[in-house]
Amino acid sequence: STLFGLRIDTHPQFLALLNKYQVDTYPNLGNYLKAQGYRYYHLSSLSSELPEGDWLKQERFYGVDHWLRFEELNFHGPMYGWGPAPPDQYALHATHERLTQESDQPFLLFFITQNSHYPFAPLPNLVDDWRTLNNHDASPPSIDADGITHDERRWNYAEAIQYELAMLSEFVLTAGGDNDLFIFIGDHQPPRVSRRDDGFATPVHVLSRDPHLLNAFQQVGFV
């Protein structure tokens, strides 16, 4: 919905657009920024891979310059959660380092964090040097995701969100520059721990050191 400026709230609706825009390009945010001189990337850190034809279909639909995948992260350490996937701290920093070394040209990077997905535990450690997470000898503790109580699962989810907020704060403070804009968007309520009356609204946070960028969002109703 954010990338395309169109409210998409059902999966069949998304699939209809995915199938339709394989030749013609829908005027999405990424394509607009590309016309302004940006590079456009998506990152998927999941170790489980789609068939190659499905990747190409996604790339055509979003119009990315390149879709970065697990194999390009050169990660050989312990993996976590859904996927499974490397620590999000490693995936983000490794990708940022690569993109900034490749070119001085500005870029848009879209990434769905993985470590806060079910089963929510165990979690990676937040470290001072993200490169140390690529440790061949380390292994995460095991967890019986289906054998724990509902209260434990809710606690693990809350802990996973705290990890993501701390990880993203660290990334913004260490990798962010004066002209950068970060947009954090909540994905969805976790069905294994939430109730229907929790609702489906998710938060949006906009961060920048440039007050002019933030003012642009305030002018259209952001608080």
C-alpha atoms as a PDB file:
ATOM      1  CA  SER A   1       0.000   0.000   0.000  1.00  0.00           C
ATOM      2  CA  THR A   2       2.820   2.413   0.824  1.00  0.00           C
ATOM      3  CA  LEU A   3       5.000   1.597  -2.173  1.00  0.00           C
ATOM      4  CA  PHE A   4       2.098   1.775  -4.630  1.00  0.00           C
ATOM      5  CA  GLY A   5      -0.019   4.555  -3.113  1.00  0.00           C
ATOM      6  CA  LEU A   6      -3.024   2.246  -3.327  1.00  0.00           C
ATOM      7  CA  ARG A   7      -4.794   0.564  -0.428  1.00  0.00           C
ATOM      8  CA  ILE A   8      -4.202  -3.181  -0.832  1.00  0.00           C
ATOM      9  CA  ASP A   9      -5.726  -5.099   2.079  1.00  0.00           C
ATOM     10  CA  THR A  10      -6.413  -8.576   0.689  1.00  0.00           C
ATOM     11  CA  HIS A  11      -4.057 -11.136  -0.782  1.00  0.00           C
ATOM     12  CA  PRO A  12      -6.203 -11.821  -3.900  1.00  0.00           C
ATOM     13  CA  GLN A  13      -6.112  -8.089  -4.640  1.00  0.00           C
ATOM     14  CA  PHE A  14      -2.310  -8.162  -4.442  1.00  0.00           C
ATOM     15  CA  LEU A  15      -2.114 -11.233  -6.690  1.00  0.00           C
ATOM     16  CA  ALA A  16      -4.365  -9.564  -9.267  1.00  0.00           C
ATOM     17  CA  LEU A  17      -1.972  -6.598  -9.458  1.00  0.00           C
ATOM     18  CA  LEU A  18       1.076  -8.878  -9.484  1.00  0.00           C
ATOM     19  CA  ASN A  19      -0.254 -10.766 -12.489  1.00  0.00           C
ATOM     20  CA  LYS A  20      -1.445  -7.653 -14.329  1.00  0.00           C
ATOM     21  CA  TYR A  21       1.707  -5.539 -14.098  1.00  0.00           C
ATOM     22  CA  GLN A  22       4.282  -7.847 -15.618  1.00  0.00           C
ATOM     23  CA  VAL A  23       4.760  -5.806 -18.793  1.00  0.00           C
ATOM     24  CA  ASP A  24       3.315  -2.380 -18.058  1.00  0.00           C
ATOM     25  CA  THR A  25       4.730  -0.731 -14.941  1.00  0.00           C
ATOM     26  CA  TYR A  26       2.450   0.552 -12.220  1.00  0.00           C
ATOM     27  CA  PRO A  27       3.648   4.066 -11.179  1.00  0.00           C
ATOM     28  CA  ASN A  28       4.977   3.124  -7.752  1.00  0.00           C
ATOM     29  CA  LEU A  29       7.286   4.986  -5.375  1.00  0.00           C
ATOM     30  CA  GLY A  30      10.377   3.018  -6.425  1.00  0.00           C
ATOM     31  CA  ASN A  31       9.912   3.792 -10.103  1.00  0.00           C
ATOM     32  CA  TYR A  32       9.284   7.463  -9.327  1.00  0.00           C
ATOM     33  CA  LEU A  33      12.549   7.699  -7.372  1.00  0.00           C
ATOM     34  CA  LYS A  34      14.415   5.861 -10.138  1.00  0.00           C
ATOM     35  CA  ALA A  35      13.286   8.623 -12.495  1.00  0.00           C
ATOM     36  CA  GLN A  36      14.864  11.094 -10.042  1.00  0.00           C
ATOM     37  CA  GLY A  37      18.254   9.328 -10.187  1.00  0.00           C
ATOM     38  CA  TYR A  38      17.868   6.787  -7.368  1.00  0.00           C
ATOM     39  CA  ARG A  39      18.796   3.118  -7.344  1.00  0.00           C
ATOM     40  CA  TYR A  40      15.995   0.823  -6.129  1.00  0.00           C
ATOM     41  CA  TYR A  41      16.571  -2.397  -4.158  1.00  0.00           C
ATOM     42  CA  HIS A  42      14.596  -4.969  -2.246  1.00  0.00           C
ATOM     43  CA  LEU A  43      16.281  -7.284   0.275  1.00  0.00           C
ATOM     44  CA  SER A  44      15.025 -10.728   1.268  1.00  0.00           C
ATOM     45  CA  SER A  45      17.240 -12.387   3.880  1.00  0.00           C
ATOM     46  CA  LEU A  46      15.227 -15.624   4.091  1.00  0.00           C
ATOM     47  CA  SER A  47      17.354 -18.717   3.528  1.00  0.00           C
ATOM     48  CA  SER A  48      14.381 -20.506   1.918  1.00  0.00           C
ATOM     49  CA  GLU A  49      14.216 -19.508  -1.747  1.00  0.00           C
ATOM     50  CA  LEU A  50      11.368 -19.030  -4.200  1.00  0.00           C
ATOM     51  CA  PRO A  51      11.615 -20.697  -7.618  1.00  0.00           C
ATOM     52  CA  GLU A  52      13.597 -18.501 -10.010  1.00  0.00           C
ATOM     53  CA  GLY A  53      10.545 -17.712 -12.108  1.00  0.00           C
ATOM     54  CA  ASP A  54       8.729 -16.359  -9.034  1.00  0.00           C
ATOM     55  CA  TRP A  55      11.675 -14.066  -8.222  1.00  0.00           C
ATOM     56  CA  LEU A  56      11.612 -12.663 -11.744  1.00  0.00           C
ATOM     57  CA  LYS A  57       7.872 -12.069 -11.489  1.00  0.00           C
ATOM     58  CA  GLN A  58       8.341 -10.119  -8.247  1.00  0.00           C
ATOM     59  CA  GLU A  59      11.218  -8.096  -9.718  1.00  0.00           C
ATOM     60  CA  ARG A  60       9.166  -7.097 -12.764  1.00  0.00           C
ATOM     61  CA  PHE A  61       6.190  -6.125 -10.621  1.00  0.00           C
ATOM     62  CA  TYR A  62       8.109  -3.889  -8.209  1.00  0.00           C
ATOM     63  CA  GLY A  63      10.504  -2.594 -10.876  1.00  0.00           C
ATOM     64  CA  VAL A  64      13.616  -2.966  -8.716  1.00  0.00           C
ATOM     65  CA  ASP A  65      17.120  -2.570 -10.085  1.00  0.00           C
ATOM     66  CA  HIS A  66      18.152  -5.619  -8.097  1.00  0.00           C
ATOM     67  CA  TRP A  67      16.530  -7.932  -5.564  1.00  0.00           C
ATOM     68  CA  LEU A  68      19.174  -8.891  -3.008  1.00  0.00           C
ATOM     69  CA  ARG A  69      18.793 -12.415  -1.668  1.00  0.00           C
ATOM     70  CA  PHE A  70      20.203 -14.606   1.082  1.00  0.00           C
ATOM     71  CA  GLU A  71      23.078 -16.009  -0.961  1.00  0.00           C
ATOM     72  CA  GLU A  72      24.433 -12.493  -1.544  1.00  0.00           C
ATOM     73  CA  LEU A  73      24.735 -11.809   2.188  1.00  0.00           C
ATOM     74  CA  ASN A  74      27.609 -14.321   2.449  1.00  0.00           C
ATOM     75  CA  PHE A  75      26.329 -15.337   5.877  1.00  0.00           C
ATOM     76  CA  HIS A  76      27.534 -18.508   7.602  1.00  0.00           C
ATOM     77  CA  GLY A  77      26.484 -17.914  11.206  1.00  0.00           C
ATOM     78  CA  PRO A  78      23.440 -19.053  13.191  1.00  0.00           C
ATOM     79  CA  MET A  79      20.008 -18.265  11.783  1.00  0.00           C
ATOM     80  CA  TYR A  80      16.763 -17.475  13.525  1.00  0.00           C
ATOM     81  CA  GLY A  81      13.007 -17.672  13.323  1.00  0.00           C
ATOM     82  CA  TRP A  82      10.944 -17.704  10.188  1.00  0.00           C
ATOM     83  CA  GLY A  83      12.890 -18.689   7.110  1.00  0.00           C
ATOM     84  CA  PRO A  84      15.172 -19.109   8.983  1.00  0.00           C
ATOM     85  CA  ALA A  85      17.143 -15.900   8.450  1.00  0.00           C
ATOM     86  CA  PRO A  86      20.367 -14.228   9.619  1.00  0.00           C
ATOM     87  CA  PRO A  87      20.141 -11.609  12.365  1.00  0.00           C
ATOM     88  CA  ASP A  88      18.424  -8.521  10.960  1.00  0.00           C
ATOM     89  CA  GLN A  89      21.292  -6.411  12.318  1.00  0.00           C
ATOM     90  CA  TYR A  90      23.713  -8.285  10.061  1.00  0.00           C
ATOM     91  CA  ALA A  91      21.436  -8.263   6.997  1.00  0.00           C
ATOM     92  CA  LEU A  92      20.817  -4.513   7.141  1.00  0.00           C
ATOM     93  CA  HIS A  93      24.407  -3.462   7.821  1.00  0.00           C
ATOM     94  CA  ALA A  94      25.900  -5.836   5.248  1.00  0.00           C
ATOM     95  CA  THR A  95      23.491  -4.582   2.584  1.00  0.00           C
ATOM     96  CA  HIS A  96      24.030  -0.927   3.493  1.00  0.00           C
ATOM     97  CA  GLU A  97      27.801  -1.369   3.302  1.00  0.00           C
ATOM     98  CA  ARG A  98      27.519  -2.993  -0.123  1.00  0.00           C
ATOM     99  CA  LEU A  99      25.204  -0.347  -1.571  1.00  0.00           C
ATOM    100  CA  THR A 100      27.229   2.603  -0.293  1.00  0.00           C
ATOM    101  CA  GLN A 101      30.463   1.077  -1.597  1.00  0.00           C
ATOM    102  CA  GLU A 102      28.993   0.386  -5.052  1.00  0.00           C
ATOM    103  CA  SER A 103      27.997   3.974  -5.788  1.00  0.00           C
ATOM    104  CA  ASP A 104      27.473   7.465  -4.383  1.00  0.00           C
ATOM    105  CA  GLN A 105      24.085   7.506  -6.112  1.00  0.00           C
ATOM    106  CA  PRO A 106      21.146   7.680  -3.645  1.00  0.00           C
ATOM    107  CA  PHE A 107      19.034   4.564  -3.198  1.00  0.00           C
ATOM    108  CA  LEU A 108      15.738   3.253  -1.882  1.00  0.00           C
ATOM    109  CA  LEU A 109      15.989  -0.029   0.028  1.00  0.00           C
ATOM    110  CA  PHE A 110      12.903  -2.001   1.082  1.00  0.00           C
ATOM    111  CA  PHE A 111      13.373  -4.738   3.686  1.00  0.00           C
ATOM    112  CA  ILE A 112      10.974  -6.806   5.784  1.00  0.00           C
ATOM    113  CA  THR A 113      12.579  -7.593   9.131  1.00  0.00           C
ATOM    114  CA  GLN A 114      12.569 -11.322   9.881  1.00  0.00           C
ATOM    115  CA  ASN A 115      13.599 -11.875  13.488  1.00  0.00           C
ATOM    116  CA  SER A 116      10.263 -10.676  14.885  1.00  0.00           C
ATOM    117  CA  HIS A 117       8.296 -13.301  12.959  1.00  0.00           C
ATOM    118  CA  TYR A 118       6.916 -16.482  14.514  1.00  0.00           C
ATOM    119  CA  PRO A 119       8.138 -18.291  16.580  1.00  0.00           C
ATOM    120  CA  PHE A 120       9.540 -15.010  18.084  1.00  0.00           C
ATOM    121  CA  ALA A 121      12.315 -16.850  19.954  1.00  0.00           C
ATOM    122  CA  PRO A 122      15.199 -17.399  20.268  1.00  0.00           C
ATOM    123  CA  LEU A 123      16.505 -13.942  19.338  1.00  0.00           C
ATOM    124  CA  PRO A 124      19.960 -12.859  18.128  1.00  0.00           C
ATOM    125  CA  ASN A 125      22.155 -10.751  20.353  1.00  0.00           C
ATOM    126  CA  LEU A 126      22.522  -7.076  19.531  1.00  0.00           C
ATOM    127  CA  VAL A 127      26.284  -6.540  19.136  1.00  0.00           C
ATOM    128  CA  ASP A 128      28.685  -3.621  18.785  1.00  0.00           C
ATOM    129  CA  ASP A 129      30.200  -4.988  15.570  1.00  0.00           C
ATOM    130  CA  TRP A 130      27.642  -6.574  13.238  1.00  0.00           C
ATOM    131  CA  ARG A 131      30.375  -8.566  11.471  1.00  0.00           C
ATOM    132  CA  THR A 132      30.875 -10.738  14.570  1.00  0.00           C
ATOM    133  CA  LEU A 133      27.407 -12.210  14.008  1.00  0.00           C
ATOM    134  CA  ASN A 134      28.803 -14.122  11.011  1.00  0.00           C
ATOM    135  CA  ASN A 135      30.276 -16.754  13.323  1.00  0.00           C
ATOM    136  CA  HIS A 136      30.579 -20.265  11.911  1.00  0.00           C
ATOM    137  CA  ASP A 137      30.857 -21.840  15.366  1.00  0.00           C
ATOM    138  CA  ALA A 138      27.860 -20.216  17.068  1.00  0.00           C
ATOM    139  CA  SER A 139      24.405 -21.775  17.193  1.00  0.00           C
ATOM    140  CA  PRO A 140      21.132 -20.413  18.590  1.00  0.00           C
ATOM    141  CA  PRO A 141      19.431 -22.205  21.483  1.00  0.00           C
ATOM    142  CA  SER A 142      16.583 -24.454  20.420  1.00  0.00           C
ATOM    143  CA  ILE A 143      12.964 -23.811  21.394  1.00  0.00           C
ATOM    144  CA  ASP A 144       9.804 -25.880  21.189  1.00  0.00           C
ATOM    145  CA  ALA A 145       7.617 -23.189  19.631  1.00  0.00           C
ATOM    146  CA  ASP A 146       4.440 -25.274  19.845  1.00  0.00           C
ATOM    147  CA  GLY A 147       5.103 -26.642  23.328  1.00  0.00           C
ATOM    148  CA  ILE A 148       5.129 -23.350  25.249  1.00  0.00           C
ATOM    149  CA  THR A 149       2.166 -21.635  26.886  1.00  0.00           C
ATOM    150  CA  HIS A 150       0.198 -18.825  25.286  1.00  0.00           C
ATOM    151  CA  ASP A 151       1.494 -16.358  27.882  1.00  0.00           C
ATOM    152  CA  GLU A 152       5.097 -17.364  27.078  1.00  0.00           C
ATOM    153  CA  ARG A 153       4.429 -16.872  23.372  1.00  0.00           C
ATOM    154  CA  ARG A 154       3.007 -13.394  23.955  1.00  0.00           C
ATOM    155  CA  TRP A 155       6.050 -12.526  26.084  1.00  0.00           C
ATOM    156  CA  ASN A 156       8.405 -13.799  23.369  1.00  0.00           C
ATOM    157  CA  TYR A 157       6.604 -11.646  20.803  1.00  0.00           C
ATOM    158  CA  ALA A 158       6.980  -8.544  22.983  1.00  0.00           C
ATOM    159  CA  GLU A 159      10.677  -9.326  23.428  1.00  0.00           C
ATOM    160  CA  ALA A 160      11.088  -9.745  19.661  1.00  0.00           C
ATOM    161  CA  ILE A 161       9.543  -6.316  19.024  1.00  0.00           C
ATOM    162  CA  GLN A 162      11.871  -4.786  21.626  1.00  0.00           C
ATOM    163  CA  TYR A 163      14.816  -6.397  19.817  1.00  0.00           C
ATOM    164  CA  GLU A 164      13.714  -4.969  16.465  1.00  0.00           C
ATOM    165  CA  LEU A 165      13.260  -1.457  17.881  1.00  0.00           C
ATOM    166  CA  ALA A 166      16.698  -1.580  19.514  1.00  0.00           C
ATOM    167  CA  MET A 167      18.270  -3.029  16.347  1.00  0.00           C
ATOM    168  CA  LEU A 168      16.687  -0.406  14.096  1.00  0.00           C
ATOM    169  CA  SER A 169      17.691   2.404  16.464  1.00  0.00           C
ATOM    170  CA  GLU A 170      21.285   1.164  16.374  1.00  0.00           C
ATOM    171  CA  PHE A 171      21.208   0.971  12.580  1.00  0.00           C
ATOM    172  CA  VAL A 172      19.788   4.489  12.132  1.00  0.00           C
ATOM    173  CA  LEU A 173      22.285   6.031  14.561  1.00  0.00           C
ATOM    174  CA  THR A 174      25.358   4.307  13.114  1.00  0.00           C
ATOM    175  CA  ALA A 175      24.521   4.043   9.395  1.00  0.00           C
ATOM    176  CA  GLY A 176      22.223   7.029   8.891  1.00  0.00           C
ATOM    177  CA  GLY A 177      23.444  10.268   7.348  1.00  0.00           C
ATOM    178  CA  ASP A 178      22.198  13.844   7.439  1.00  0.00           C
ATOM    179  CA  ASN A 179      20.128  13.419   4.266  1.00  0.00           C
ATOM    180  CA  ASP A 180      18.691   9.962   4.955  1.00  0.00           C
ATOM    181  CA  LEU A 181      15.034   9.164   5.498  1.00  0.00           C
ATOM    182  CA  PHE A 182      13.886   6.047   7.354  1.00  0.00           C
ATOM    183  CA  ILE A 183      10.285   4.845   7.334  1.00  0.00           C
ATOM    184  CA  PHE A 184       9.290   2.056   9.756  1.00  0.00           C
ATOM    185  CA  ILE A 185       5.926   0.455   9.031  1.00  0.00           C
ATOM    186  CA  GLY A 186       4.204  -2.166  11.157  1.00  0.00           C
ATOM    187  CA  ASP A 187       3.441  -5.305   9.150  1.00  0.00           C
ATOM    188  CA  HIS A 188       0.442  -7.033  10.766  1.00  0.00           C
ATOM    189  CA  GLN A 189      -0.777  -8.333  14.095  1.00  0.00           C
ATOM    190  CA  PRO A 190       0.679 -11.781  14.907  1.00  0.00           C
ATOM    191  CA  PRO A 191      -2.241 -14.240  14.749  1.00  0.00           C
ATOM    192  CA  ARG A 192      -0.686 -16.662  17.236  1.00  0.00           C
ATOM    193  CA  VAL A 193      -0.684 -14.065  20.039  1.00  0.00           C
ATOM    194  CA  SER A 194      -3.225 -11.354  19.119  1.00  0.00           C
ATOM    195  CA  ARG A 195      -7.016 -11.186  19.388  1.00  0.00           C
ATOM    196  CA  ARG A 196      -9.445 -10.043  16.715  1.00  0.00           C
ATOM    197  CA  ASP A 197     -10.417  -7.013  18.803  1.00  0.00           C
ATOM    198  CA  ASP A 198      -6.757  -5.908  18.843  1.00  0.00           C
ATOM    199  CA  GLY A 199      -7.544  -4.536  15.385  1.00  0.00           C
ATOM    200  CA  PHE A 200      -5.413  -4.435  12.263  1.00  0.00           C
ATOM    201  CA  ALA A 201      -3.991  -0.927  12.487  1.00  0.00           C
ATOM    202  CA  THR A 202      -0.189  -0.757  12.458  1.00  0.00           C
ATOM    203  CA  PRO A 203       2.178   2.098  13.326  1.00  0.00           C
ATOM    204  CA  VAL A 204       4.245   4.225  10.962  1.00  0.00           C
ATOM    205  CA  HIS A 205       7.384   6.038  12.152  1.00  0.00           C
ATOM    206  CA  VAL A 206       9.280   8.552  10.004  1.00  0.00           C
ATOM    207  CA  LEU A 207      12.839   9.465  11.037  1.00  0.00           C
ATOM    208  CA  SER A 208      15.330  11.936   9.628  1.00  0.00           C
ATOM    209  CA  ARG A 209      17.918  14.466  10.764  1.00  0.00           C
ATOM    210  CA  ASP A 210      16.578  16.853   8.106  1.00  0.00           C
ATOM    211  CA  PRO A 211      13.616  18.866   9.497  1.00  0.00           C
ATOM    212  CA  HIS A 212      12.478  19.751   5.977  1.00  0.00           C
ATOM    213  CA  LEU A 213      11.877  16.074   5.190  1.00  0.00           C
ATOM    214  CA  LEU A 214       9.845  15.647   8.382  1.00  0.00           C
ATOM    215  CA  ASN A 215       7.853  18.826   7.718  1.00  0.00           C
ATOM    216  CA  ALA A 216       6.764  17.409   4.376  1.00  0.00           C
ATOM    217  CA  PHE A 217       5.098  14.517   6.218  1.00  0.00           C
ATOM    218  CA  GLN A 218       3.532  16.789   8.823  1.00  0.00           C
ATOM    219  CA  GLN A 219       1.955  18.876   6.067  1.00  0.00           C
ATOM    220  CA  VAL A 220      -0.078  15.874   4.905  1.00  0.00           C
ATOM    221  CA  GLY A 221      -1.301  14.902   8.361  1.00  0.00           C
ATOM    222  CA  PHE A 222       1.436  12.910  10.084  1.00  0.00           C
ATOM    223  CA  VAL A 223       1.765  13.648  13.810  1.00  0.00           C
END
